[in-house]
Amino acid sequence: MAPGSPTAPVPNAAEVLRTRYTKRLPARLEDLTGPTQGTVGLPLHVAWSGRRSFDMDRPRARMGLYRTVLAEGQREDLETFLDRDLLIGQWPVLRTLISSVIRDAWEDAFAELAAARVSAA
């Protein structure tokens, strides 16, 4: 590179990830119409390693499904596998189990989740 030539700033990893997760968000939480009971099998593009089947009637398994979908799912996956009421109800604990980048993207986009965070504190 020639001296004095302008260079574009390089975004840090957190900014890149935040942009990626923000683009995946549903338009509204009401679009999350996933199952609330029974056994749910995730497709390989979401659960590409480890567990792929989750019993929604078991809180720990359900939390595992939500963590996986939030981290790896595309918008369609979020809408298909997450349920609005379950997400809000689990959010005070779930937010501590996911990355801060995912947590901040969701809380910045949805006041209901930010409120759930405050009410749990």
PDB file of N, CA and C in Angstrom:
ATOM      1  N   MET A   1       0.846  -1.165   0.000  1.00  0.00           N
ATOM      2  CA  MET A   1       0.000   0.000   0.000  1.00  0.00           C
ATOM      3  C   MET A   1       0.897   1.235   0.000  1.00  0.00           C
ATOM      4  N   ALA A   2       0.562   2.201  -0.806  1.00  0.00           N
ATOM      5  CA  ALA A   2       1.358   3.412  -0.921  1.00  0.00           C
ATOM      6  C   ALA A   2       1.170   4.269   0.330  1.00  0.00           C
ATOM      7  N   PRO A   3       2.239   4.934   0.768  1.00  0.00           N
ATOM      8  CA  PRO A   3       2.121   5.809   1.932  1.00  0.00           C
ATOM      9  C   PRO A   3       1.087   6.907   1.669  1.00  0.00           C
ATOM     10  N   GLY A   4       0.306   7.192   2.666  1.00  0.00           N
ATOM     11  CA  GLY A   4      -0.669   8.272   2.553  1.00  0.00           C
ATOM     12  C   GLY A   4      -1.967   7.879   1.875  1.00  0.00           C
ATOM     13  N   SER A   5      -2.072   6.628   1.397  1.00  0.00           N
ATOM     14  CA  SER A   5      -3.330   6.240   0.759  1.00  0.00           C
ATOM     15  C   SER A   5      -4.369   5.931   1.834  1.00  0.00           C
ATOM     16  N   PRO A   6      -5.610   6.323   1.573  1.00  0.00           N
ATOM     17  CA  PRO A   6      -6.647   6.099   2.582  1.00  0.00           C
ATOM     18  C   PRO A   6      -6.963   4.601   2.698  1.00  0.00           C
ATOM     19  N   THR A   7      -7.236   4.193   3.894  1.00  0.00           N
ATOM     20  CA  THR A   7      -7.634   2.805   4.123  1.00  0.00           C
ATOM     21  C   THR A   7      -8.982   2.802   4.830  1.00  0.00           C
ATOM     22  N   ALA A   8      -9.773   1.835   4.485  1.00  0.00           N
ATOM     23  CA  ALA A   8     -11.073   1.696   5.144  1.00  0.00           C
ATOM     24  C   ALA A   8     -10.842   1.104   6.526  1.00  0.00           C
ATOM     25  N   PRO A   9     -11.584   1.587   7.513  1.00  0.00           N
ATOM     26  CA  PRO A   9     -11.416   1.006   8.846  1.00  0.00           C
ATOM     27  C   PRO A   9     -11.872  -0.451   8.835  1.00  0.00           C
ATOM     28  N   VAL A  10     -11.168  -1.253   9.556  1.00  0.00           N
ATOM     29  CA  VAL A  10     -11.493  -2.669   9.644  1.00  0.00           C
ATOM     30  C   VAL A  10     -12.453  -2.853  10.829  1.00  0.00           C
ATOM     31  N   PRO A  11     -13.646  -3.384  10.567  1.00  0.00           N
ATOM     32  CA  PRO A  11     -14.584  -3.572  11.678  1.00  0.00           C
ATOM     33  C   PRO A  11     -14.076  -4.666  12.615  1.00  0.00           C
ATOM     34  N   ASN A  12     -14.382  -4.502  13.893  1.00  0.00           N
ATOM     35  CA  ASN A  12     -13.952  -5.550  14.816  1.00  0.00           C
ATOM     36  C   ASN A  12     -14.931  -6.720  14.754  1.00  0.00           C
ATOM     37  N   ALA A  13     -14.535  -7.835  15.307  1.00  0.00           N
ATOM     38  CA  ALA A  13     -15.328  -9.065  15.221  1.00  0.00           C
ATOM     39  C   ALA A  13     -16.718  -8.885  15.821  1.00  0.00           C
ATOM     40  N   ALA A  14     -16.824  -8.171  16.935  1.00  0.00           N
ATOM     41  CA  ALA A  14     -18.127  -7.971  17.578  1.00  0.00           C
ATOM     42  C   ALA A  14     -19.082  -7.210  16.661  1.00  0.00           C
ATOM     43  N   GLU A  15     -18.574  -6.216  15.945  1.00  0.00           N
ATOM     44  CA  GLU A  15     -19.429  -5.460  15.021  1.00  0.00           C
ATOM     45  C   GLU A  15     -19.923  -6.335  13.874  1.00  0.00           C
ATOM     46  N   VAL A  16     -19.051  -7.182  13.363  1.00  0.00           N
ATOM     47  CA  VAL A  16     -19.424  -8.082  12.272  1.00  0.00           C
ATOM     48  C   VAL A  16     -20.497  -9.056  12.753  1.00  0.00           C
ATOM     49  N   LEU A  17     -20.278  -9.646  13.924  1.00  0.00           N
ATOM     50  CA  LEU A  17     -21.261 -10.588  14.469  1.00  0.00           C
ATOM     51  C   LEU A  17     -22.585  -9.905  14.775  1.00  0.00           C
ATOM     52  N   ARG A  18     -22.527  -8.735  15.360  1.00  0.00           N
ATOM     53  CA  ARG A  18     -23.760  -8.007  15.694  1.00  0.00           C
ATOM     54  C   ARG A  18     -24.574  -7.735  14.429  1.00  0.00           C
ATOM     55  N   THR A  19     -23.921  -7.310  13.367  1.00  0.00           N
ATOM     56  CA  THR A  19     -24.612  -7.080  12.095  1.00  0.00           C
ATOM     57  C   THR A  19     -25.238  -8.367  11.592  1.00  0.00           C
ATOM     58  N   ARG A  20     -24.511  -9.457  11.677  1.00  0.00           N
ATOM     59  CA  ARG A  20     -25.013 -10.756  11.219  1.00  0.00           C
ATOM     60  C   ARG A  20     -26.251 -11.167  12.013  1.00  0.00           C
ATOM     61  N   TYR A  21     -26.198 -11.064  13.337  1.00  0.00           N
ATOM     62  CA  TYR A  21     -27.342 -11.466  14.170  1.00  0.00           C
ATOM     63  C   TYR A  21     -28.521 -10.508  14.013  1.00  0.00           C
ATOM     64  N   THR A  22     -28.260  -9.244  13.849  1.00  0.00           N
ATOM     65  CA  THR A  22     -29.335  -8.267  13.685  1.00  0.00           C
ATOM     66  C   THR A  22     -30.102  -8.518  12.394  1.00  0.00           C
ATOM     67  N   LYS A  23     -29.415  -8.884  11.325  1.00  0.00           N
ATOM     68  CA  LYS A  23     -30.089  -9.162  10.052  1.00  0.00           C
ATOM     69  C   LYS A  23     -30.996 -10.382  10.135  1.00  0.00           C
ATOM     70  N   ARG A  24     -30.733 -11.280  11.064  1.00  0.00           N
ATOM     71  CA  ARG A  24     -31.525 -12.498  11.214  1.00  0.00           C
ATOM     72  C   ARG A  24     -32.798 -12.293  12.036  1.00  0.00           C
ATOM     73  N   LEU A  25     -32.873 -11.220  12.778  1.00  0.00           N
ATOM     74  CA  LEU A  25     -33.991 -11.018  13.704  1.00  0.00           C
ATOM     75  C   LEU A  25     -35.336 -10.998  12.987  1.00  0.00           C
ATOM     76  N   PRO A  26     -36.366 -11.532  13.641  1.00  0.00           N
ATOM     77  CA  PRO A  26     -37.709 -11.418  13.068  1.00  0.00           C
ATOM     78  C   PRO A  26     -38.162  -9.961  13.135  1.00  0.00           C
ATOM     79  N   ALA A  27     -39.140  -9.612  12.330  1.00  0.00           N
ATOM     80  CA  ALA A  27     -39.658  -8.239  12.348  1.00  0.00           C
ATOM     81  C   ALA A  27     -40.300  -7.920  13.697  1.00  0.00           C
ATOM     82  N   ARG A  28     -40.956  -8.918  14.290  1.00  0.00           N
ATOM     83  CA  ARG A  28     -41.607  -8.734  15.600  1.00  0.00           C
ATOM     84  C   ARG A  28     -41.614 -10.060  16.333  1.00  0.00           C
ATOM     85  N   LEU A  29     -41.677 -10.005  17.641  1.00  0.00           N
ATOM     86  CA  LEU A  29     -41.663 -11.227  18.429  1.00  0.00           C
ATOM     87  C   LEU A  29     -42.878 -12.103  18.147  1.00  0.00           C
ATOM     88  N   GLU A  30     -43.966 -11.498  17.730  1.00  0.00           N
ATOM     89  CA  GLU A  30     -45.169 -12.264  17.408  1.00  0.00           C
ATOM     90  C   GLU A  30     -44.947 -13.212  16.231  1.00  0.00           C
ATOM     91  N   ASP A  31     -43.902 -13.002  15.468  1.00  0.00           N
ATOM     92  CA  ASP A  31     -43.575 -13.895  14.348  1.00  0.00           C
ATOM     93  C   ASP A  31     -42.959 -15.212  14.821  1.00  0.00           C
ATOM     94  N   LEU A  32     -42.606 -15.296  16.112  1.00  0.00           N
ATOM     95  CA  LEU A  32     -42.030 -16.510  16.670  1.00  0.00           C
ATOM     96  C   LEU A  32     -43.172 -17.439  17.070  1.00  0.00           C
ATOM     97  N   THR A  33     -43.426 -18.415  16.233  1.00  0.00           N
ATOM     98  CA  THR A  33     -44.592 -19.288  16.426  1.00  0.00           C
ATOM     99  C   THR A  33     -44.193 -20.747  16.555  1.00  0.00           C
ATOM    100  N   GLY A  34     -43.055 -20.996  17.146  1.00  0.00           N
ATOM    101  CA  GLY A  34     -42.545 -22.351  17.269  1.00  0.00           C
ATOM    102  C   GLY A  34     -43.302 -23.191  18.271  1.00  0.00           C
ATOM    103  N   PRO A  35     -42.951 -24.459  18.342  1.00  0.00           N
ATOM    104  CA  PRO A  35     -43.636 -25.397  19.228  1.00  0.00           C
ATOM    105  C   PRO A  35     -43.397 -25.078  20.703  1.00  0.00           C
ATOM    106  N   THR A  36     -44.361 -25.463  21.529  1.00  0.00           N
ATOM    107  CA  THR A  36     -44.240 -25.247  22.966  1.00  0.00           C
ATOM    108  C   THR A  36     -44.183 -26.562  23.732  1.00  0.00           C
ATOM    109  N   GLN A  37     -44.423 -27.681  23.045  1.00  0.00           N
ATOM    110  CA  GLN A  37     -44.337 -28.987  23.686  1.00  0.00           C
ATOM    111  C   GLN A  37     -43.993 -30.045  22.649  1.00  0.00           C
ATOM    112  N   GLY A  38     -43.697 -31.230  23.162  1.00  0.00           N
ATOM    113  CA  GLY A  38     -43.322 -32.319  22.273  1.00  0.00           C
ATOM    114  C   GLY A  38     -41.831 -32.322  21.986  1.00  0.00           C
ATOM    115  N   THR A  39     -41.436 -33.175  21.072  1.00  0.00           N
ATOM    116  CA  THR A  39     -40.036 -33.292  20.693  1.00  0.00           C
ATOM    117  C   THR A  39     -39.798 -32.540  19.391  1.00  0.00           C
ATOM    118  N   VAL A  40     -38.746 -31.747  19.373  1.00  0.00           N
ATOM    119  CA  VAL A  40     -38.407 -30.938  18.205  1.00  0.00           C
ATOM    120  C   VAL A  40     -37.045 -31.377  17.681  1.00  0.00           C
ATOM    121  N   GLY A  41     -36.989 -31.660  16.401  1.00  0.00           N
ATOM    122  CA  GLY A  41     -35.732 -31.982  15.753  1.00  0.00           C
ATOM    123  C   GLY A  41     -35.266 -30.808  14.915  1.00  0.00           C
ATOM    124  N   LEU A  42     -34.043 -30.389  15.131  1.00  0.00           N
ATOM    125  CA  LEU A  42     -33.495 -29.258  14.380  1.00  0.00           C
ATOM    126  C   LEU A  42     -32.802 -29.757  13.117  1.00  0.00           C
ATOM    127  N   PRO A  43     -32.891 -28.990  12.043  1.00  0.00           N
ATOM    128  CA  PRO A  43     -32.189 -29.373  10.813  1.00  0.00           C
ATOM    129  C   PRO A  43     -30.677 -29.241  10.988  1.00  0.00           C
ATOM    130  N   LEU A  44     -29.968 -29.932  10.136  1.00  0.00           N
ATOM    131  CA  LEU A  44     -28.516 -29.967  10.219  1.00  0.00           C
ATOM    132  C   LEU A  44     -27.872 -28.585  10.085  1.00  0.00           C
ATOM    133  N   HIS A  45     -28.455 -27.682   9.310  1.00  0.00           N
ATOM    134  CA  HIS A  45     -27.825 -26.369   9.152  1.00  0.00           C
ATOM    135  C   HIS A  45     -27.924 -25.526  10.424  1.00  0.00           C
ATOM    136  N   VAL A  46     -28.778 -25.926  11.367  1.00  0.00           N
ATOM    137  CA  VAL A  46     -28.890 -25.219  12.650  1.00  0.00           C
ATOM    138  C   VAL A  46     -28.088 -25.960  13.715  1.00  0.00           C
ATOM    139  N   ALA A  47     -28.324 -27.243  13.847  1.00  0.00           N
ATOM    140  CA  ALA A  47     -27.624 -28.058  14.840  1.00  0.00           C
ATOM    141  C   ALA A  47     -26.642 -28.958  14.106  1.00  0.00           C
ATOM    142  N   TRP A  48     -25.540 -28.396  13.695  1.00  0.00           N
ATOM    143  CA  TRP A  48     -24.578 -29.113  12.872  1.00  0.00           C
ATOM    144  C   TRP A  48     -23.603 -29.941  13.697  1.00  0.00           C
ATOM    145  N   SER A  49     -23.646 -29.759  15.016  1.00  0.00           N
ATOM    146  CA  SER A  49     -22.767 -30.524  15.890  1.00  0.00           C
ATOM    147  C   SER A  49     -23.510 -30.813  17.186  1.00  0.00           C
ATOM    148  N   GLY A  50     -23.411 -32.020  17.657  1.00  0.00           N
ATOM    149  CA  GLY A  50     -24.042 -32.354  18.934  1.00  0.00           C
ATOM    150  C   GLY A  50     -25.516 -32.688  18.801  1.00  0.00           C
ATOM    151  N   ARG A  51     -26.244 -32.358  19.825  1.00  0.00           N
ATOM    152  CA  ARG A  51     -27.647 -32.719  19.941  1.00  0.00           C
ATOM    153  C   ARG A  51     -28.511 -32.030  18.891  1.00  0.00           C
ATOM    154  N   ARG A  52     -29.464 -32.809  18.323  1.00  0.00           N
ATOM    155  CA  ARG A  52     -30.373 -32.252  17.314  1.00  0.00           C
ATOM    156  C   ARG A  52     -31.833 -32.409  17.689  1.00  0.00           C
ATOM    157  N   SER A  53     -32.131 -33.215  18.707  1.00  0.00           N
ATOM    158  CA  SER A  53     -33.502 -33.466  19.113  1.00  0.00           C
ATOM    159  C   SER A  53     -33.689 -32.982  20.549  1.00  0.00           C
ATOM    160  N   PHE A  54     -34.784 -32.248  20.787  1.00  0.00           N
ATOM    161  CA  PHE A  54     -35.009 -31.609  22.084  1.00  0.00           C
ATOM    162  C   PHE A  54     -36.440 -31.839  22.549  1.00  0.00           C
ATOM    163  N   ASP A  55     -36.594 -32.220  23.811  1.00  0.00           N
ATOM    164  CA  ASP A  55     -37.909 -32.411  24.424  1.00  0.00           C
ATOM    165  C   ASP A  55     -38.350 -31.087  25.031  1.00  0.00           C
ATOM    166  N   MET A  56     -39.338 -30.465  24.428  1.00  0.00           N
ATOM    167  CA  MET A  56     -39.799 -29.141  24.863  1.00  0.00           C
ATOM    168  C   MET A  56     -40.447 -29.161  26.245  1.00  0.00           C
ATOM    169  N   ASP A  57     -40.805 -30.346  26.733  1.00  0.00           N
ATOM    170  CA  ASP A  57     -41.415 -30.459  28.050  1.00  0.00           C
ATOM    171  C   ASP A  57     -40.373 -30.491  29.164  1.00  0.00           C
ATOM    172  N   ARG A  58     -39.095 -30.545  28.795  1.00  0.00           N
ATOM    173  CA  ARG A  58     -37.997 -30.533  29.771  1.00  0.00           C
ATOM    174  C   ARG A  58     -37.292 -29.181  29.688  1.00  0.00           C
ATOM    175  N   PRO A  59     -37.356 -28.392  30.766  1.00  0.00           N
ATOM    176  CA  PRO A  59     -36.795 -27.028  30.734  1.00  0.00           C
ATOM    177  C   PRO A  59     -35.340 -26.941  30.277  1.00  0.00           C
ATOM    178  N   ARG A  60     -34.493 -27.844  30.710  1.00  0.00           N
ATOM    179  CA  ARG A  60     -33.082 -27.771  30.301  1.00  0.00           C
ATOM    180  C   ARG A  60     -32.916 -28.068  28.819  1.00  0.00           C
ATOM    181  N   ALA A  61     -33.669 -29.035  28.316  1.00  0.00           N
ATOM    182  CA  ALA A  61     -33.602 -29.360  26.890  1.00  0.00           C
ATOM    183  C   ALA A  61     -34.141 -28.186  26.074  1.00  0.00           C
ATOM    184  N   ARG A  62     -35.237 -27.599  26.521  1.00  0.00           N
ATOM    185  CA  ARG A  62     -35.828 -26.449  25.823  1.00  0.00           C
ATOM    186  C   ARG A  62     -34.832 -25.287  25.781  1.00  0.00           C
ATOM    187  N   MET A  63     -34.139 -25.059  26.897  1.00  0.00           N
ATOM    188  CA  MET A  63     -33.139 -23.990  26.943  1.00  0.00           C
ATOM    189  C   MET A  63     -32.011 -24.291  25.956  1.00  0.00           C
ATOM    190  N   GLY A  64     -31.621 -25.552  25.836  1.00  0.00           N
ATOM    191  CA  GLY A  64     -30.586 -25.925  24.877  1.00  0.00           C
ATOM    192  C   GLY A  64     -31.019 -25.654  23.449  1.00  0.00           C
ATOM    193  N   LEU A  65     -32.268 -25.976  23.132  1.00  0.00           N
ATOM    194  CA  LEU A  65     -32.795 -25.700  21.794  1.00  0.00           C
ATOM    195  C   LEU A  65     -32.755 -24.195  21.518  1.00  0.00           C
ATOM    196  N   TYR A  66     -33.215 -23.387  22.474  1.00  0.00           N
ATOM    197  CA  TYR A  66     -33.236 -21.939  22.267  1.00  0.00           C
ATOM    198  C   TYR A  66     -31.830 -21.377  22.091  1.00  0.00           C
ATOM    199  N   ARG A  67     -30.881 -21.856  22.877  1.00  0.00           N
ATOM    200  CA  ARG A  67     -29.494 -21.391  22.734  1.00  0.00           C
ATOM    201  C   ARG A  67     -28.961 -21.721  21.338  1.00  0.00           C
ATOM    202  N   THR A  68     -29.230 -22.935  20.881  1.00  0.00           N
ATOM    203  CA  THR A  68     -28.740 -23.365  19.576  1.00  0.00           C
ATOM    204  C   THR A  68     -29.374 -22.551  18.455  1.00  0.00           C
ATOM    205  N   VAL A  69     -30.677 -22.378  18.502  1.00  0.00           N
ATOM    206  CA  VAL A  69     -31.379 -21.653  17.436  1.00  0.00           C
ATOM    207  C   VAL A  69     -30.971 -20.185  17.425  1.00  0.00           C
ATOM    208  N   LEU A  70     -30.849 -19.570  18.596  1.00  0.00           N
ATOM    209  CA  LEU A  70     -30.427 -18.165  18.641  1.00  0.00           C
ATOM    210  C   LEU A  70     -29.034 -17.982  18.046  1.00  0.00           C
ATOM    211  N   ALA A  71     -28.145 -18.925  18.291  1.00  0.00           N
ATOM    212  CA  ALA A  71     -26.770 -18.789  17.814  1.00  0.00           C
ATOM    213  C   ALA A  71     -26.601 -19.165  16.353  1.00  0.00           C
ATOM    214  N   GLU A  72     -27.340 -20.184  15.888  1.00  0.00           N
ATOM    215  CA  GLU A  72     -27.065 -20.745  14.565  1.00  0.00           C
ATOM    216  C   GLU A  72     -28.186 -20.565  13.543  1.00  0.00           C
ATOM    217  N   GLY A  73     -29.392 -20.236  14.007  1.00  0.00           N
ATOM    218  CA  GLY A  73     -30.528 -20.185  13.101  1.00  0.00           C
ATOM    219  C   GLY A  73     -30.598 -18.926  12.248  1.00  0.00           C
ATOM    220  N   GLN A  74     -31.178 -19.094  11.072  1.00  0.00           N
ATOM    221  CA  GLN A  74     -31.506 -17.955  10.213  1.00  0.00           C
ATOM    222  C   GLN A  74     -32.894 -17.452  10.621  1.00  0.00           C
ATOM    223  N   ARG A  75     -33.353 -16.365  10.026  1.00  0.00           N
ATOM    224  CA  ARG A  75     -34.646 -15.796  10.396  1.00  0.00           C
ATOM    225  C   ARG A  75     -35.770 -16.831  10.340  1.00  0.00           C
ATOM    226  N   GLU A  76     -35.814 -17.615   9.285  1.00  0.00           N
ATOM    227  CA  GLU A  76     -36.873 -18.617   9.154  1.00  0.00           C
ATOM    228  C   GLU A  76     -36.812 -19.636  10.282  1.00  0.00           C
ATOM    229  N   ASP A  77     -35.608 -19.990  10.699  1.00  0.00           N
ATOM    230  CA  ASP A  77     -35.441 -20.938  11.801  1.00  0.00           C
ATOM    231  C   ASP A  77     -35.916 -20.327  13.113  1.00  0.00           C
ATOM    232  N   LEU A  78     -35.583 -19.084  13.329  1.00  0.00           N
ATOM    233  CA  LEU A  78     -36.027 -18.404  14.547  1.00  0.00           C
ATOM    234  C   LEU A  78     -37.549 -18.417  14.619  1.00  0.00           C
ATOM    235  N   GLU A  79     -38.195 -18.091  13.512  1.00  0.00           N
ATOM    236  CA  GLU A  79     -39.657 -18.023  13.480  1.00  0.00           C
ATOM    237  C   GLU A  79     -40.286 -19.409  13.606  1.00  0.00           C
ATOM    238  N   THR A  80     -39.626 -20.430  13.102  1.00  0.00           N
ATOM    239  CA  THR A  80     -40.163 -21.793  13.110  1.00  0.00           C
ATOM    240  C   THR A  80     -39.953 -22.508  14.438  1.00  0.00           C
ATOM    241  N   PHE A  81     -38.829 -22.283  15.097  1.00  0.00           N
ATOM    242  CA  PHE A  81     -38.480 -23.074  16.274  1.00  0.00           C
ATOM    243  C   PHE A  81     -38.607 -22.344  17.603  1.00  0.00           C
ATOM    244  N   LEU A  82     -38.729 -21.025  17.589  1.00  0.00           N
ATOM    245  CA  LEU A  82     -38.881 -20.272  18.836  1.00  0.00           C
ATOM    246  C   LEU A  82     -40.316 -19.813  19.006  1.00  0.00           C
ATOM    247  N   ASP A  83     -40.769 -19.771  20.247  1.00  0.00           N
ATOM    248  CA  ASP A  83     -42.101 -19.286  20.580  1.00  0.00           C
ATOM    249  C   ASP A  83     -41.960 -18.002  21.389  1.00  0.00           C
ATOM    250  N   ARG A  84     -42.732 -16.999  21.018  1.00  0.00           N
ATOM    251  CA  ARG A  84     -42.644 -15.688  21.655  1.00  0.00           C
ATOM    252  C   ARG A  84     -42.755 -15.774  23.175  1.00  0.00           C
ATOM    253  N   ASP A  85     -43.807 -16.409  23.677  1.00  0.00           N
ATOM    254  CA  ASP A  85     -44.037 -16.443  25.124  1.00  0.00           C
ATOM    255  C   ASP A  85     -42.948 -17.223  25.859  1.00  0.00           C
ATOM    256  N   LEU A  86     -42.511 -18.334  25.273  1.00  0.00           N
ATOM    257  CA  LEU A  86     -41.427 -19.093  25.901  1.00  0.00           C
ATOM    258  C   LEU A  86     -40.133 -18.286  25.907  1.00  0.00           C
ATOM    259  N   LEU A  87     -39.858 -17.597  24.825  1.00  0.00           N
ATOM    260  CA  LEU A  87     -38.636 -16.788  24.760  1.00  0.00           C
ATOM    261  C   LEU A  87     -38.649 -15.720  25.850  1.00  0.00           C
ATOM    262  N   ILE A  88     -39.747 -15.003  25.969  1.00  0.00           N
ATOM    263  CA  ILE A  88     -39.835 -13.949  26.987  1.00  0.00           C
ATOM    264  C   ILE A  88     -39.740 -14.545  28.387  1.00  0.00           C
ATOM    265  N   GLY A  89     -40.437 -15.649  28.619  1.00  0.00           N
ATOM    266  CA  GLY A  89     -40.406 -16.280  29.936  1.00  0.00           C
ATOM    267  C   GLY A  89     -39.033 -16.794  30.332  1.00  0.00           C
ATOM    268  N   GLN A  90     -38.296 -17.332  29.375  1.00  0.00           N
ATOM    269  CA  GLN A  90     -36.968 -17.876  29.644  1.00  0.00           C
ATOM    270  C   GLN A  90     -35.870 -16.817  29.594  1.00  0.00           C
ATOM    271  N   TRP A  91     -36.178 -15.646  29.056  1.00  0.00           N
ATOM    272  CA  TRP A  91     -35.143 -14.661  28.773  1.00  0.00           C
ATOM    273  C   TRP A  91     -34.254 -14.304  29.962  1.00  0.00           C
ATOM    274  N   PRO A  92     -34.789 -14.101  31.173  1.00  0.00           N
ATOM    275  CA  PRO A  92     -33.890 -13.723  32.280  1.00  0.00           C
ATOM    276  C   PRO A  92     -32.742 -14.714  32.491  1.00  0.00           C
ATOM    277  N   VAL A  93     -32.986 -16.000  32.313  1.00  0.00           N
ATOM    278  CA  VAL A  93     -31.913 -16.993  32.439  1.00  0.00           C
ATOM    279  C   VAL A  93     -31.193 -17.177  31.107  1.00  0.00           C
ATOM    280  N   LEU A  94     -31.964 -17.287  30.036  1.00  0.00           N
ATOM    281  CA  LEU A  94     -31.388 -17.531  28.715  1.00  0.00           C
ATOM    282  C   LEU A  94     -30.363 -16.469  28.344  1.00  0.00           C
ATOM    283  N   ARG A  95     -30.624 -15.235  28.690  1.00  0.00           N
ATOM    284  CA  ARG A  95     -29.710 -14.143  28.328  1.00  0.00           C
ATOM    285  C   ARG A  95     -28.330 -14.306  28.957  1.00  0.00           C
ATOM    286  N   THR A  96     -28.259 -15.075  30.046  1.00  0.00           N
ATOM    287  CA  THR A  96     -26.965 -15.309  30.699  1.00  0.00           C
ATOM    288  C   THR A  96     -26.208 -16.478  30.060  1.00  0.00           C
ATOM    289  N   LEU A  97     -26.890 -17.225  29.198  1.00  0.00           N
ATOM    290  CA  LEU A  97     -26.296 -18.420  28.595  1.00  0.00           C
ATOM    291  C   LEU A  97     -25.872 -18.227  27.140  1.00  0.00           C
ATOM    292  N   ILE A  98     -26.193 -17.070  26.574  1.00  0.00           N
ATOM    293  CA  ILE A  98     -25.844 -16.787  25.186  1.00  0.00           C
ATOM    294  C   ILE A  98     -24.783 -15.698  25.142  1.00  0.00           C
ATOM    295  N   SER A  99     -24.197 -15.505  23.993  1.00  0.00           N
ATOM    296  CA  SER A  99     -23.147 -14.490  23.884  1.00  0.00           C
ATOM    297  C   SER A  99     -23.732 -13.090  24.057  1.00  0.00           C
ATOM    298  N   SER A 100     -22.902 -12.187  24.512  1.00  0.00           N
ATOM    299  CA  SER A 100     -23.353 -10.805  24.707  1.00  0.00           C
ATOM    300  C   SER A 100     -23.761 -10.159  23.386  1.00  0.00           C
ATOM    301  N   VAL A 101     -23.155 -10.584  22.293  1.00  0.00           N
ATOM    302  CA  VAL A 101     -23.511 -10.024  20.980  1.00  0.00           C
ATOM    303  C   VAL A 101     -24.942 -10.403  20.614  1.00  0.00           C
ATOM    304  N   ILE A 102     -25.297 -11.667  20.802  1.00  0.00           N
ATOM    305  CA  ILE A 102     -26.667 -12.102  20.511  1.00  0.00           C
ATOM    306  C   ILE A 102     -27.632 -11.428  21.475  1.00  0.00           C
ATOM    307  N   ARG A 103     -27.308 -11.453  22.754  1.00  0.00           N
ATOM    308  CA  ARG A 103     -28.162 -10.840  23.776  1.00  0.00           C
ATOM    309  C   ARG A 103     -28.434  -9.368  23.465  1.00  0.00           C
ATOM    310  N   ASP A 104     -27.398  -8.613  23.174  1.00  0.00           N
ATOM    311  CA  ASP A 104     -27.569  -7.182  22.909  1.00  0.00           C
ATOM    312  C   ASP A 104     -28.392  -6.928  21.650  1.00  0.00           C
ATOM    313  N   ALA A 105     -28.194  -7.731  20.615  1.00  0.00           N
ATOM    314  CA  ALA A 105     -28.970  -7.562  19.376  1.00  0.00           C
ATOM    315  C   ALA A 105     -30.452  -7.747  19.663  1.00  0.00           C
ATOM    316  N   TRP A 106     -30.800  -8.791  20.411  1.00  0.00           N
ATOM    317  CA  TRP A 106     -32.208  -9.058  20.713  1.00  0.00           C
ATOM    318  C   TRP A 106     -32.790  -8.007  21.655  1.00  0.00           C
ATOM    319  N   GLU A 107     -32.064  -7.639  22.690  1.00  0.00           N
ATOM    320  CA  GLU A 107     -32.594  -6.669  23.650  1.00  0.00           C
ATOM    321  C   GLU A 107     -32.718  -5.277  23.049  1.00  0.00           C
ATOM    322  N   ASP A 108     -31.827  -4.921  22.160  1.00  0.00           N
ATOM    323  CA  ASP A 108     -31.932  -3.624  21.493  1.00  0.00           C
ATOM    324  C   ASP A 108     -33.115  -3.582  20.536  1.00  0.00           C
ATOM    325  N   ALA A 109     -33.454  -4.718  19.960  1.00  0.00           N
ATOM    326  CA  ALA A 109     -34.539  -4.771  18.976  1.00  0.00           C
ATOM    327  C   ALA A 109     -35.914  -4.927  19.615  1.00  0.00           C
ATOM    328  N   PHE A 110     -35.981  -5.556  20.781  1.00  0.00           N
ATOM    329  CA  PHE A 110     -37.282  -5.893  21.361  1.00  0.00           C
ATOM    330  C   PHE A 110     -37.374  -5.425  22.813  1.00  0.00           C
ATOM    331  N   ALA A 111     -38.210  -4.432  23.043  1.00  0.00           N
ATOM    332  CA  ALA A 111     -38.381  -3.862  24.376  1.00  0.00           C
ATOM    333  C   ALA A 111     -38.855  -4.903  25.396  1.00  0.00           C
ATOM    334  N   GLU A 112     -39.641  -5.890  24.945  1.00  0.00           N
ATOM    335  CA  GLU A 112     -40.143  -6.913  25.851  1.00  0.00           C
ATOM    336  C   GLU A 112     -38.989  -7.689  26.497  1.00  0.00           C
ATOM    337  N   LEU A 113     -37.936  -7.939  25.733  1.00  0.00           N
ATOM    338  CA  LEU A 113     -36.804  -8.677  26.277  1.00  0.00           C
ATOM    339  C   LEU A 113     -35.973  -7.794  27.188  1.00  0.00           C
ATOM    340  N   ALA A 114     -35.813  -6.544  26.832  1.00  0.00           N
ATOM    341  CA  ALA A 114     -35.093  -5.619  27.705  1.00  0.00           C
ATOM    342  C   ALA A 114     -35.845  -5.468  29.024  1.00  0.00           C
ATOM    343  N   ALA A 115     -37.174  -5.433  28.968  1.00  0.00           N
ATOM    344  CA  ALA A 115     -37.992  -5.338  30.191  1.00  0.00           C
ATOM    345  C   ALA A 115     -37.869  -6.594  31.029  1.00  0.00           C
ATOM    346  N   ALA A 116     -37.816  -7.762  30.388  1.00  0.00           N
ATOM    347  CA  ALA A 116     -37.656  -9.021  31.110  1.00  0.00           C
ATOM    348  C   ALA A 116     -36.310  -9.045  31.824  1.00  0.00           C
ATOM    349  N   ARG A 117     -35.316  -8.460  31.214  1.00  0.00           N
ATOM    350  CA  ARG A 117     -33.987  -8.375  31.834  1.00  0.00           C
ATOM    351  C   ARG A 117     -34.061  -7.532  33.092  1.00  0.00           C
ATOM    352  N   VAL A 118     -34.728  -6.399  33.018  1.00  0.00           N
ATOM    353  CA  VAL A 118     -34.817  -5.470  34.142  1.00  0.00           C
ATOM    354  C   VAL A 118     -35.632  -6.081  35.270  1.00  0.00           C
ATOM    355  N   SER A 119     -36.741  -6.749  34.925  1.00  0.00           N
ATOM    356  CA  SER A 119     -37.614  -7.309  35.969  1.00  0.00           C
ATOM    357  C   SER A 119     -36.953  -8.469  36.695  1.00  0.00           C
ATOM    358  N   ALA A 120     -35.992  -9.123  36.057  1.00  0.00           N
ATOM    359  CA  ALA A 120     -35.306 -10.243  36.697  1.00  0.00           C
ATOM    360  C   ALA A 120     -34.175  -9.782  37.613  1.00  0.00           C
ATOM    361  N   ALA A 121     -33.720  -8.555  37.436  1.00  0.00           N
ATOM    362  CA  ALA A 121     -32.590  -8.047  38.212  1.00  0.00           C
ATOM    363  C   ALA A 121     -32.978  -7.715  39.640  1.00  0.00           C
TER     364      ALA A 121
END
